Amino acid sequence: MSDDRGGPASYMTLERGTRVVASDGTEVGTVRHVLYDADADIFDGIVIDAEHGGHRFVDAPYVAAIAERVVTLNIDGAECDRLPRPSENPAEMSADPDDAVEGALHTKLRRAWDMITGRY
C-alpha cells in the first residue's frame, strides 16, 4: 500500500474505485458510490465494495479525509466490518404515528440501495 494519498479532494470529485482505509491503516475496500444531496450541497456518505465482500454504507461522520487517491475513515478496521449493508428497506423494530417522517439514516440507506440497483 502506497503512502501517496494525493492532495486533498472533495466528495464531488471522488471516483469509483478509490481506495478506502480505516483509521488503523487497514484497507477496507474501494468507493462504489458517493451519496450526496446536490440541491443542498450536503455529503451523506459513501457505499464501498468491502474487502471481505459485499457493499457497506459509510455515513459521512465516519469519513475523516478525502484525498485524490484514498478516503480515510475515523473508525478502525474492526468497526468497518460492522458497517451496515445498504438495503432497500432498513429494518425497523417498531413504528407508530410519531415515526411517520423518515429519518436521515433511512433516507441515506435507501439512496444507497437505489444507486446499487440502478434505480437512481
N, C-alpha and C. Protein backbone atom coordinates (compact mmCIF):
# COMPACT_ATOMS: atom_id res chain seq x y z
N MET A 1 0.85 -1.19 0.00
CA MET A 1 0.00 0.00 0.00
C MET A 1 0.88 1.24 0.00
N SER A 2 0.68 2.12 -0.93
CA SER A 2 1.47 3.34 -1.05
C SER A 2 0.99 4.38 -0.07
N ASP A 3 1.93 5.19 0.42
CA ASP A 3 1.56 6.29 1.31
C ASP A 3 1.20 7.54 0.52
N ASP A 4 1.30 7.48 -0.80
CA ASP A 4 0.99 8.63 -1.64
C ASP A 4 -0.53 8.73 -1.81
N ARG A 5 -1.14 9.55 -0.98
CA ARG A 5 -2.59 9.70 -0.99
C ARG A 5 -3.06 10.75 -2.00
N GLY A 6 -2.15 11.59 -2.45
CA GLY A 6 -2.54 12.69 -3.32
C GLY A 6 -2.99 13.87 -2.48
N GLY A 7 -3.35 14.94 -3.15
CA GLY A 7 -3.79 16.14 -2.46
C GLY A 7 -5.21 16.02 -1.94
N PRO A 8 -5.60 16.95 -1.09
CA PRO A 8 -6.98 16.95 -0.58
C PRO A 8 -7.97 17.04 -1.74
N ALA A 9 -9.11 16.38 -1.58
CA ALA A 9 -10.12 16.36 -2.63
C ALA A 9 -11.49 16.55 -2.01
N SER A 10 -12.46 16.72 -2.86
CA SER A 10 -13.85 16.92 -2.46
C SER A 10 -14.65 15.66 -2.76
N TYR A 11 -15.73 15.47 -2.02
CA TYR A 11 -16.63 14.35 -2.33
C TYR A 11 -17.17 14.48 -3.76
N MET A 12 -17.22 15.69 -4.30
CA MET A 12 -17.74 15.90 -5.64
C MET A 12 -16.80 15.36 -6.72
N THR A 13 -15.52 15.19 -6.40
CA THR A 13 -14.55 14.68 -7.37
C THR A 13 -14.14 13.24 -7.06
N LEU A 14 -14.69 12.66 -6.02
CA LEU A 14 -14.34 11.31 -5.61
C LEU A 14 -14.80 10.31 -6.67
N GLU A 15 -13.89 9.43 -7.09
CA GLU A 15 -14.18 8.50 -8.17
C GLU A 15 -14.38 7.08 -7.66
N ARG A 16 -15.21 6.35 -8.38
CA ARG A 16 -15.42 4.94 -8.11
C ARG A 16 -14.08 4.22 -8.19
N GLY A 17 -13.84 3.31 -7.25
CA GLY A 17 -12.58 2.57 -7.24
C GLY A 17 -11.51 3.18 -6.35
N THR A 18 -11.75 4.38 -5.82
CA THR A 18 -10.78 5.00 -4.91
C THR A 18 -10.65 4.13 -3.66
N ARG A 19 -9.41 3.91 -3.21
CA ARG A 19 -9.18 3.08 -2.02
C ARG A 19 -9.79 3.73 -0.78
N VAL A 20 -10.26 2.88 0.15
CA VAL A 20 -10.80 3.34 1.43
C VAL A 20 -10.01 2.63 2.52
N VAL A 21 -9.44 3.41 3.46
CA VAL A 21 -8.67 2.83 4.56
C VAL A 21 -9.26 3.26 5.90
N ALA A 22 -9.15 2.36 6.86
CA ALA A 22 -9.63 2.63 8.21
C ALA A 22 -8.58 3.46 8.96
N SER A 23 -8.95 3.94 10.14
CA SER A 23 -8.05 4.79 10.93
C SER A 23 -6.78 4.05 11.35
N ASP A 24 -6.84 2.72 11.43
CA ASP A 24 -5.66 1.93 11.81
C ASP A 24 -4.80 1.54 10.60
N GLY A 25 -5.15 2.06 9.41
CA GLY A 25 -4.37 1.79 8.20
C GLY A 25 -4.84 0.58 7.41
N THR A 26 -5.82 -0.15 7.93
CA THR A 26 -6.36 -1.31 7.22
C THR A 26 -7.11 -0.87 5.98
N GLU A 27 -6.77 -1.47 4.83
CA GLU A 27 -7.53 -1.17 3.62
C GLU A 27 -8.83 -1.95 3.70
N VAL A 28 -9.97 -1.23 3.65
CA VAL A 28 -11.26 -1.87 3.88
C VAL A 28 -12.11 -2.00 2.62
N GLY A 29 -11.70 -1.39 1.53
CA GLY A 29 -12.45 -1.51 0.29
C GLY A 29 -12.17 -0.38 -0.66
N THR A 30 -13.09 -0.22 -1.62
CA THR A 30 -13.00 0.85 -2.60
C THR A 30 -14.36 1.53 -2.72
N VAL A 31 -14.33 2.78 -3.15
CA VAL A 31 -15.56 3.55 -3.31
C VAL A 31 -16.40 2.94 -4.42
N ARG A 32 -17.66 2.70 -4.13
CA ARG A 32 -18.63 2.24 -5.12
C ARG A 32 -19.50 3.41 -5.58
N HIS A 33 -20.06 4.14 -4.61
CA HIS A 33 -20.92 5.30 -4.89
C HIS A 33 -20.67 6.39 -3.86
N VAL A 34 -20.83 7.62 -4.28
CA VAL A 34 -20.82 8.75 -3.36
C VAL A 34 -22.27 9.20 -3.20
N LEU A 35 -22.70 9.37 -1.97
CA LEU A 35 -24.07 9.79 -1.69
C LEU A 35 -24.07 11.24 -1.24
N TYR A 36 -24.87 12.05 -1.92
CA TYR A 36 -24.95 13.46 -1.55
C TYR A 36 -26.27 14.03 -2.03
N ASP A 37 -26.64 15.14 -1.43
CA ASP A 37 -27.83 15.88 -1.83
C ASP A 37 -27.33 17.08 -2.62
N ALA A 38 -27.42 17.01 -3.94
CA ALA A 38 -26.89 18.06 -4.80
C ALA A 38 -27.57 19.40 -4.55
N ASP A 39 -28.88 19.38 -4.32
CA ASP A 39 -29.60 20.64 -4.11
C ASP A 39 -29.14 21.36 -2.85
N ALA A 40 -28.88 20.61 -1.80
CA ALA A 40 -28.46 21.21 -0.53
C ALA A 40 -26.95 21.23 -0.37
N ASP A 41 -26.20 20.64 -1.33
CA ASP A 41 -24.74 20.53 -1.27
C ASP A 41 -24.30 19.90 0.05
N ILE A 42 -24.89 18.73 0.34
CA ILE A 42 -24.58 18.01 1.58
C ILE A 42 -24.04 16.63 1.22
N PHE A 43 -22.89 16.29 1.78
CA PHE A 43 -22.28 14.98 1.62
C PHE A 43 -22.91 14.03 2.63
N ASP A 44 -23.52 12.93 2.15
CA ASP A 44 -24.21 11.98 3.02
C ASP A 44 -23.33 10.79 3.41
N GLY A 45 -22.39 10.42 2.58
CA GLY A 45 -21.54 9.28 2.86
C GLY A 45 -21.16 8.56 1.58
N ILE A 46 -20.63 7.34 1.74
CA ILE A 46 -20.23 6.54 0.59
C ILE A 46 -20.69 5.09 0.78
N VAL A 47 -20.84 4.42 -0.33
CA VAL A 47 -21.03 2.97 -0.34
C VAL A 47 -19.71 2.40 -0.84
N ILE A 48 -19.19 1.42 -0.11
CA ILE A 48 -17.92 0.82 -0.52
C ILE A 48 -18.13 -0.64 -0.93
N ASP A 49 -17.26 -1.08 -1.85
CA ASP A 49 -17.10 -2.50 -2.14
C ASP A 49 -16.11 -2.97 -1.08
N ALA A 50 -16.60 -3.71 -0.10
CA ALA A 50 -15.78 -4.10 1.04
C ALA A 50 -14.76 -5.17 0.65
N GLU A 51 -13.61 -5.14 1.31
CA GLU A 51 -12.54 -6.11 1.06
C GLU A 51 -13.02 -7.54 1.28
N HIS A 52 -13.91 -7.74 2.25
CA HIS A 52 -14.39 -9.09 2.58
C HIS A 52 -15.69 -9.43 1.86
N GLY A 53 -16.01 -8.67 0.82
CA GLY A 53 -17.19 -8.96 0.00
C GLY A 53 -18.39 -8.13 0.38
N GLY A 54 -19.20 -7.85 -0.60
CA GLY A 54 -20.43 -7.10 -0.39
C GLY A 54 -20.21 -5.60 -0.32
N HIS A 55 -21.30 -4.90 -0.15
CA HIS A 55 -21.26 -3.45 -0.04
C HIS A 55 -21.50 -3.04 1.41
N ARG A 56 -20.92 -1.92 1.79
CA ARG A 56 -21.12 -1.36 3.12
C ARG A 56 -21.39 0.13 2.98
N PHE A 57 -22.27 0.64 3.85
CA PHE A 57 -22.58 2.06 3.87
C PHE A 57 -21.72 2.73 4.93
N VAL A 58 -21.00 3.80 4.52
CA VAL A 58 -20.19 4.59 5.44
C VAL A 58 -20.84 5.97 5.55
N ASP A 59 -21.40 6.27 6.70
CA ASP A 59 -22.05 7.55 6.91
C ASP A 59 -20.99 8.67 6.94
N ALA A 60 -21.36 9.84 6.48
CA ALA A 60 -20.42 10.96 6.34
C ALA A 60 -19.60 11.25 7.61
N PRO A 61 -20.17 11.18 8.82
CA PRO A 61 -19.35 11.46 10.00
C PRO A 61 -18.18 10.49 10.20
N TYR A 62 -18.22 9.32 9.54
CA TYR A 62 -17.12 8.36 9.65
C TYR A 62 -16.00 8.61 8.64
N VAL A 63 -16.20 9.57 7.75
CA VAL A 63 -15.18 9.91 6.75
C VAL A 63 -14.31 11.03 7.32
N ALA A 64 -13.06 10.67 7.63
CA ALA A 64 -12.13 11.65 8.23
C ALA A 64 -11.50 12.55 7.18
N ALA A 65 -11.14 11.99 6.02
CA ALA A 65 -10.47 12.78 4.99
C ALA A 65 -10.68 12.15 3.62
N ILE A 66 -10.77 13.02 2.63
CA ILE A 66 -10.85 12.58 1.24
C ILE A 66 -9.65 13.18 0.52
N ALA A 67 -8.86 12.31 -0.09
CA ALA A 67 -7.72 12.76 -0.89
C ALA A 67 -7.92 12.22 -2.31
N GLU A 68 -7.04 12.61 -3.21
CA GLU A 68 -7.18 12.22 -4.62
C GLU A 68 -7.20 10.71 -4.81
N ARG A 69 -6.40 9.98 -4.02
CA ARG A 69 -6.27 8.54 -4.24
C ARG A 69 -6.72 7.67 -3.07
N VAL A 70 -7.22 8.25 -2.01
CA VAL A 70 -7.64 7.44 -0.86
C VAL A 70 -8.63 8.21 0.02
N VAL A 71 -9.60 7.48 0.55
CA VAL A 71 -10.53 8.01 1.56
C VAL A 71 -10.10 7.39 2.88
N THR A 72 -9.92 8.22 3.90
CA THR A 72 -9.54 7.74 5.22
C THR A 72 -10.73 7.88 6.16
N LEU A 73 -11.04 6.80 6.87
CA LEU A 73 -12.15 6.81 7.82
C LEU A 73 -11.62 7.08 9.23
N ASN A 74 -12.51 7.49 10.12
CA ASN A 74 -12.10 7.72 11.50
C ASN A 74 -12.52 6.57 12.41
N ILE A 75 -12.77 5.41 11.81
CA ILE A 75 -13.07 4.18 12.55
C ILE A 75 -12.07 3.11 12.13
N ASP A 76 -11.80 2.16 13.02
CA ASP A 76 -10.79 1.14 12.71
C ASP A 76 -11.38 0.01 11.87
N GLY A 77 -10.52 -0.90 11.46
CA GLY A 77 -10.92 -2.00 10.59
C GLY A 77 -12.02 -2.87 11.19
N ALA A 78 -11.94 -3.14 12.49
CA ALA A 78 -12.96 -3.97 13.14
C ALA A 78 -14.33 -3.29 13.10
N GLU A 79 -14.35 -1.98 13.30
CA GLU A 79 -15.61 -1.24 13.23
C GLU A 79 -16.16 -1.24 11.80
N CYS A 80 -15.27 -1.20 10.82
CA CYS A 80 -15.70 -1.22 9.42
C CYS A 80 -16.41 -2.52 9.08
N ASP A 81 -15.98 -3.63 9.69
CA ASP A 81 -16.63 -4.92 9.46
C ASP A 81 -18.08 -4.91 9.93
N ARG A 82 -18.42 -3.99 10.84
CA ARG A 82 -19.78 -3.91 11.38
C ARG A 82 -20.63 -2.84 10.70
N LEU A 83 -20.09 -2.19 9.67
CA LEU A 83 -20.88 -1.18 8.96
C LEU A 83 -22.09 -1.84 8.30
N PRO A 84 -23.21 -1.11 8.20
CA PRO A 84 -24.41 -1.73 7.62
C PRO A 84 -24.29 -1.91 6.12
N ARG A 85 -25.00 -2.92 5.64
CA ARG A 85 -25.13 -3.13 4.21
C ARG A 85 -26.27 -2.23 3.73
N PRO A 86 -26.12 -1.60 2.58
CA PRO A 86 -27.25 -0.82 2.05
C PRO A 86 -28.40 -1.77 1.75
N SER A 87 -29.59 -1.32 2.03
CA SER A 87 -30.76 -2.16 1.76
C SER A 87 -31.92 -1.29 1.32
N GLU A 88 -32.84 -1.94 0.62
CA GLU A 88 -33.99 -1.20 0.12
C GLU A 88 -34.85 -0.69 1.26
N ASN A 89 -35.06 -1.53 2.25
CA ASN A 89 -35.89 -1.16 3.40
C ASN A 89 -35.14 -1.50 4.68
N PRO A 90 -34.43 -0.55 5.27
CA PRO A 90 -33.73 -0.85 6.52
C PRO A 90 -34.70 -1.38 7.57
N ALA A 91 -34.21 -2.31 8.37
CA ALA A 91 -35.05 -2.91 9.40
C ALA A 91 -35.54 -1.87 10.39
N GLU A 92 -36.75 -2.08 10.87
CA GLU A 92 -37.33 -1.19 11.87
C GLU A 92 -38.01 -2.06 12.90
N MET A 93 -37.71 -1.80 14.17
CA MET A 93 -38.24 -2.64 15.24
C MET A 93 -39.70 -2.34 15.54
N SER A 94 -40.08 -1.08 15.48
CA SER A 94 -41.46 -0.72 15.77
C SER A 94 -41.78 0.58 15.06
N ALA A 95 -43.06 0.85 14.94
CA ALA A 95 -43.49 2.09 14.29
C ALA A 95 -44.78 2.56 14.94
N ASP A 96 -44.91 3.85 15.01
CA ASP A 96 -46.15 4.45 15.47
C ASP A 96 -46.34 5.75 14.71
N PRO A 97 -47.47 6.43 14.86
CA PRO A 97 -47.71 7.65 14.08
C PRO A 97 -46.63 8.71 14.21
N ASP A 98 -45.93 8.74 15.35
CA ASP A 98 -44.85 9.73 15.53
C ASP A 98 -43.65 9.42 14.66
N ASP A 99 -43.56 8.20 14.12
CA ASP A 99 -42.43 7.80 13.28
C ASP A 99 -42.71 7.98 11.80
N ALA A 100 -43.74 8.71 11.44
CA ALA A 100 -44.16 8.84 10.05
C ALA A 100 -43.10 9.49 9.16
N VAL A 101 -42.27 10.35 9.71
CA VAL A 101 -41.23 11.02 8.92
C VAL A 101 -40.00 10.12 8.88
N GLU A 102 -39.48 9.88 7.68
CA GLU A 102 -38.29 9.05 7.54
C GLU A 102 -37.10 9.76 8.15
N GLY A 103 -36.26 9.02 8.85
CA GLY A 103 -35.05 9.57 9.43
C GLY A 103 -33.96 9.71 8.40
N ALA A 104 -32.91 10.42 8.78
CA ALA A 104 -31.80 10.68 7.87
C ALA A 104 -31.08 9.39 7.46
N LEU A 105 -30.87 8.48 8.41
CA LEU A 105 -30.18 7.24 8.08
C LEU A 105 -31.01 6.39 7.11
N HIS A 106 -32.31 6.32 7.32
CA HIS A 106 -33.19 5.57 6.41
C HIS A 106 -33.07 6.13 5.00
N THR A 107 -33.11 7.45 4.89
CA THR A 107 -33.02 8.09 3.58
C THR A 107 -31.69 7.78 2.91
N LYS A 108 -30.59 7.85 3.67
CA LYS A 108 -29.27 7.57 3.11
C LYS A 108 -29.16 6.12 2.64
N LEU A 109 -29.64 5.20 3.47
CA LEU A 109 -29.57 3.79 3.08
C LEU A 109 -30.44 3.50 1.87
N ARG A 110 -31.60 4.14 1.80
CA ARG A 110 -32.49 3.96 0.65
C ARG A 110 -31.82 4.44 -0.63
N ARG A 111 -31.15 5.63 -0.56
CA ARG A 111 -30.46 6.16 -1.74
C ARG A 111 -29.31 5.26 -2.14
N ALA A 112 -28.60 4.69 -1.16
CA ALA A 112 -27.50 3.77 -1.46
C ALA A 112 -28.04 2.54 -2.18
N TRP A 113 -29.15 2.00 -1.70
CA TRP A 113 -29.77 0.83 -2.33
C TRP A 113 -30.20 1.16 -3.76
N ASP A 114 -30.83 2.31 -3.94
CA ASP A 114 -31.30 2.70 -5.26
C ASP A 114 -30.14 2.84 -6.25
N MET A 115 -29.00 3.36 -5.78
CA MET A 115 -27.84 3.52 -6.66
C MET A 115 -27.27 2.15 -7.05
N ILE A 116 -27.20 1.25 -6.10
CA ILE A 116 -26.65 -0.08 -6.37
C ILE A 116 -27.54 -0.84 -7.34
N THR A 117 -28.83 -0.72 -7.19
CA THR A 117 -29.75 -1.47 -8.03
C THR A 117 -30.08 -0.76 -9.33
N GLY A 118 -29.51 0.42 -9.54
CA GLY A 118 -29.72 1.14 -10.79
C GLY A 118 -31.01 1.93 -10.86
N ARG A 119 -31.64 2.14 -9.74
CA ARG A 119 -32.90 2.90 -9.72
C ARG A 119 -32.66 4.39 -9.56
N TYR A 120 -31.43 4.81 -9.35
CA TYR A 120 -31.13 6.21 -9.09
C TYR A 120 -30.83 6.94 -10.35
